[in-house]
Amino acid sequence: MIEGLPRREREVFELLCRLEVATAAAVRAAMPDTLSDSAVRTLLKRLEDRGLVSRSAGGDGFDYRPVPRTETVAAGALKRMVDTFFAGSAASAATALLGMGEPLKPSEIKALEKLLDAARERDQ
């Protein structure tokens, strides 16, 4: 879905997925490098024309939000990352992720244990 987007459009779309809803000014302010207001509005319009972004009237102009569910976009991005950096190995990616963060909460450990149990049952 977003794999074929030009780099700038993909950056704006991914940023909007993180923000969930934002004005063009908020998107511009959150960009890692400076783009003009008209450039950000043009990118948002292109994304809207592609059906990836919707807009609605808000208090400070238009509010933009991603049309696909953020979870769907995140799953696709994660799959690309696993394929690119971990040769398709979800286990290698999970090991790397677990090694770089804060200690897990008990609820997170339980959730991971459930996923591992389900994977074991599936593979038997």
C-alpha atoms as a PDB file:
ATOM      1  CA  MET A   1       0.000   0.000   0.000  1.00  0.00           C
ATOM      2  CA  ILE A   2       2.495   2.664   1.061  1.00  0.00           C
ATOM      3  CA  GLU A   3       5.560   0.881  -0.347  1.00  0.00           C
ATOM      4  CA  GLY A   4       5.105   2.566  -3.724  1.00  0.00           C
ATOM      5  CA  LEU A   5       4.785   6.090  -2.357  1.00  0.00           C
ATOM      6  CA  PRO A   6       7.490   8.642  -3.072  1.00  0.00           C
ATOM      7  CA  ARG A   7       9.758   9.204  -0.062  1.00  0.00           C
ATOM      8  CA  ARG A   8       8.214  12.501   1.072  1.00  0.00           C
ATOM      9  CA  GLU A   9       4.643  11.245   0.784  1.00  0.00           C
ATOM     10  CA  ARG A  10       5.570   8.149   2.782  1.00  0.00           C
ATOM     11  CA  GLU A  11       7.248  10.305   5.457  1.00  0.00           C
ATOM     12  CA  VAL A  12       4.153  12.488   5.796  1.00  0.00           C
ATOM     13  CA  PHE A  13       1.846   9.465   5.855  1.00  0.00           C
ATOM     14  CA  GLU A  14       3.896   7.652   8.506  1.00  0.00           C
ATOM     15  CA  LEU A  15       4.084  10.830  10.567  1.00  0.00           C
ATOM     16  CA  LEU A  16       0.321  11.219  10.341  1.00  0.00           C
ATOM     17  CA  CYS A  17      -0.080   7.596  11.469  1.00  0.00           C
ATOM     18  CA  ARG A  18       1.953   8.418  14.589  1.00  0.00           C
ATOM     19  CA  LEU A  19      -0.026  11.598  15.259  1.00  0.00           C
ATOM     20  CA  GLU A  20      -3.368   9.904  14.364  1.00  0.00           C
ATOM     21  CA  VAL A  21      -4.966  13.270  13.552  1.00  0.00           C
ATOM     22  CA  ALA A  22      -3.234  16.561  12.794  1.00  0.00           C
ATOM     23  CA  THR A  23      -3.480  19.840  10.964  1.00  0.00           C
ATOM     24  CA  ALA A  24      -1.083  20.622   8.124  1.00  0.00           C
ATOM     25  CA  ALA A  25       0.733  22.978  10.506  1.00  0.00           C
ATOM     26  CA  ALA A  26       1.153  20.188  13.077  1.00  0.00           C
ATOM     27  CA  VAL A  27       2.483  17.829  10.401  1.00  0.00           C
ATOM     28  CA  ARG A  28       4.911  20.507   9.236  1.00  0.00           C
ATOM     29  CA  ALA A  29       6.100  21.151  12.808  1.00  0.00           C
ATOM     30  CA  ALA A  30       6.689  17.433  13.378  1.00  0.00           C
ATOM     31  CA  MET A  31       8.712  16.939  10.191  1.00  0.00           C
ATOM     32  CA  PRO A  32      12.397  16.223  10.834  1.00  0.00           C
ATOM     33  CA  ASP A  33      13.401  18.784   8.202  1.00  0.00           C
ATOM     34  CA  THR A  34      11.818  22.018   7.127  1.00  0.00           C
ATOM     35  CA  LEU A  35       9.225  21.995   4.384  1.00  0.00           C
ATOM     36  CA  SER A  36       7.128  24.948   3.343  1.00  0.00           C
ATOM     37  CA  ASP A  37       3.498  25.091   4.359  1.00  0.00           C
ATOM     38  CA  SER A  38       2.426  24.747   0.730  1.00  0.00           C
ATOM     39  CA  ALA A  39       4.671  21.671   0.253  1.00  0.00           C
ATOM     40  CA  VAL A  40       3.092  19.935   3.253  1.00  0.00           C
ATOM     41  CA  ARG A  41      -0.399  20.797   2.042  1.00  0.00           C
ATOM     42  CA  THR A  42       0.456  19.480  -1.428  1.00  0.00           C
ATOM     43  CA  LEU A  43       1.736  16.195   0.021  1.00  0.00           C
ATOM     44  CA  LEU A  44      -1.387  15.832   2.162  1.00  0.00           C
ATOM     45  CA  LYS A  45      -3.571  16.525  -0.898  1.00  0.00           C
ATOM     46  CA  ARG A  46      -1.717  13.853  -2.902  1.00  0.00           C
ATOM     47  CA  LEU A  47      -2.237  11.369  -0.072  1.00  0.00           C
ATOM     48  CA  GLU A  48      -5.910  12.326   0.076  1.00  0.00           C
ATOM     49  CA  ASP A  49      -6.217  11.819  -3.701  1.00  0.00           C
ATOM     50  CA  ARG A  50      -4.696   8.338  -3.276  1.00  0.00           C
ATOM     51  CA  GLY A  51      -7.309   7.524  -0.616  1.00  0.00           C
ATOM     52  CA  LEU A  52      -4.731   7.234   2.165  1.00  0.00           C
ATOM     53  CA  VAL A  53      -5.702  10.382   4.069  1.00  0.00           C
ATOM     54  CA  SER A  54      -9.035  11.957   4.881  1.00  0.00           C
ATOM     55  CA  ARG A  55      -9.664  15.487   5.997  1.00  0.00           C
ATOM     56  CA  SER A  56     -12.412  17.159   7.946  1.00  0.00           C
ATOM     57  CA  ALA A  57     -13.046  20.695   9.088  1.00  0.00           C
ATOM     58  CA  GLY A  58     -11.456  21.415  12.440  1.00  0.00           C
ATOM     59  CA  GLY A  59     -10.947  24.386  14.695  1.00  0.00           C
ATOM     60  CA  ASP A  60      -7.703  25.482  13.019  1.00  0.00           C
ATOM     61  CA  GLY A  61      -8.466  24.568   9.411  1.00  0.00           C
ATOM     62  CA  PHE A  62      -8.537  20.960   8.278  1.00  0.00           C
ATOM     63  CA  ASP A  63      -7.762  17.935  10.400  1.00  0.00           C
ATOM     64  CA  TYR A  64      -6.044  15.116   8.513  1.00  0.00           C
ATOM     65  CA  ARG A  65      -6.057  11.458   9.534  1.00  0.00           C
ATOM     66  CA  PRO A  66      -4.853   8.248   7.910  1.00  0.00           C
ATOM     67  CA  VAL A  67      -7.634   6.246   6.249  1.00  0.00           C
ATOM     68  CA  PRO A  68      -6.127   2.763   6.632  1.00  0.00           C
ATOM     69  CA  ARG A  69      -6.087   1.547  10.190  1.00  0.00           C
ATOM     70  CA  THR A  70      -2.788   2.345  11.875  1.00  0.00           C
ATOM     71  CA  GLU A  71      -2.455  -1.303  12.917  1.00  0.00           C
ATOM     72  CA  THR A  72      -2.602  -2.406   9.283  1.00  0.00           C
ATOM     73  CA  VAL A  73       0.050   0.096   8.257  1.00  0.00           C
ATOM     74  CA  ALA A  74       2.209  -0.859  11.246  1.00  0.00           C
ATOM     75  CA  ALA A  75       1.963  -4.554  10.382  1.00  0.00           C
ATOM     76  CA  GLY A  76       3.109  -3.865   6.824  1.00  0.00           C
ATOM     77  CA  ALA A  77       5.976  -1.661   7.979  1.00  0.00           C
ATOM     78  CA  LEU A  78       7.049  -4.252  10.541  1.00  0.00           C
ATOM     79  CA  LYS A  79       6.990  -7.007   7.917  1.00  0.00           C
ATOM     80  CA  ARG A  80       9.216  -4.908   5.627  1.00  0.00           C
ATOM     81  CA  MET A  81      11.610  -4.252   8.520  1.00  0.00           C
ATOM     82  CA  VAL A  82      11.795  -7.953   9.439  1.00  0.00           C
ATOM     83  CA  ASP A  83      12.345  -8.923   5.802  1.00  0.00           C
ATOM     84  CA  THR A  84      14.978  -6.222   5.249  1.00  0.00           C
ATOM     85  CA  PHE A  85      17.008  -6.334   8.449  1.00  0.00           C
ATOM     86  CA  PHE A  86      16.368  -9.804   9.877  1.00  0.00           C
ATOM     87  CA  ALA A  87      16.177 -11.973   6.728  1.00  0.00           C
ATOM     88  CA  GLY A  88      12.494 -12.610   7.400  1.00  0.00           C
ATOM     89  CA  SER A  89      13.079 -14.024  10.890  1.00  0.00           C
ATOM     90  CA  ALA A  90      10.455 -12.761  13.319  1.00  0.00           C
ATOM     91  CA  ALA A  91      12.342 -14.460  16.160  1.00  0.00           C
ATOM     92  CA  SER A  92      15.536 -12.515  15.375  1.00  0.00           C
ATOM     93  CA  ALA A  93      13.580  -9.273  15.198  1.00  0.00           C
ATOM     94  CA  ALA A  94      11.792 -10.006  18.494  1.00  0.00           C
ATOM     95  CA  THR A  95      15.095 -10.825  20.187  1.00  0.00           C
ATOM     96  CA  ALA A  96      16.581  -7.545  18.970  1.00  0.00           C
ATOM     97  CA  LEU A  97      13.527  -5.563  20.091  1.00  0.00           C
ATOM     98  CA  LEU A  98      13.466  -7.157  23.524  1.00  0.00           C
ATOM     99  CA  GLY A  99      17.167  -6.450  23.991  1.00  0.00           C
ATOM    100  CA  MET A 100      16.918  -2.734  23.349  1.00  0.00           C
ATOM    101  CA  GLY A 101      14.052  -1.659  25.579  1.00  0.00           C
ATOM    102  CA  GLU A 102      13.163  -1.181  29.195  1.00  0.00           C
ATOM    103  CA  PRO A 103      12.477  -4.256  31.338  1.00  0.00           C
ATOM    104  CA  LEU A 104       9.169  -5.871  30.449  1.00  0.00           C
ATOM    105  CA  LYS A 105       6.121  -5.422  32.648  1.00  0.00           C
ATOM    106  CA  PRO A 106       4.489  -8.591  34.013  1.00  0.00           C
ATOM    107  CA  SER A 107       1.480  -8.043  31.727  1.00  0.00           C
ATOM    108  CA  GLU A 108       3.780  -7.809  28.694  1.00  0.00           C
ATOM    109  CA  ILE A 109       5.546 -11.026  29.693  1.00  0.00           C
ATOM    110  CA  LYS A 110       2.173 -12.803  30.015  1.00  0.00           C
ATOM    111  CA  ALA A 111       1.110 -11.565  26.576  1.00  0.00           C
ATOM    112  CA  LEU A 112       4.360 -12.835  25.049  1.00  0.00           C
ATOM    113  CA  GLU A 113       3.989 -16.185  26.797  1.00  0.00           C
ATOM    114  CA  LYS A 114       0.476 -16.559  25.340  1.00  0.00           C
ATOM    115  CA  LEU A 115       1.791 -15.840  21.861  1.00  0.00           C
ATOM    116  CA  LEU A 116       4.600 -18.374  22.308  1.00  0.00           C
ATOM    117  CA  ASP A 117       2.141 -21.000  23.556  1.00  0.00           C
ATOM    118  CA  ALA A 118      -0.133 -20.378  20.570  1.00  0.00           C
ATOM    119  CA  ALA A 119       2.862 -20.676  18.214  1.00  0.00           C
ATOM    120  CA  ARG A 120       3.884 -23.974  19.818  1.00  0.00           C
ATOM    121  CA  GLU A 121       0.365 -25.394  19.404  1.00  0.00           C
ATOM    122  CA  ARG A 122       0.193 -24.225  15.818  1.00  0.00           C
ATOM    123  CA  ASP A 123       3.512 -25.883  14.945  1.00  0.00           C
ATOM    124  CA  GLN A 124       2.679 -29.282  16.510  1.00  0.00           C
END
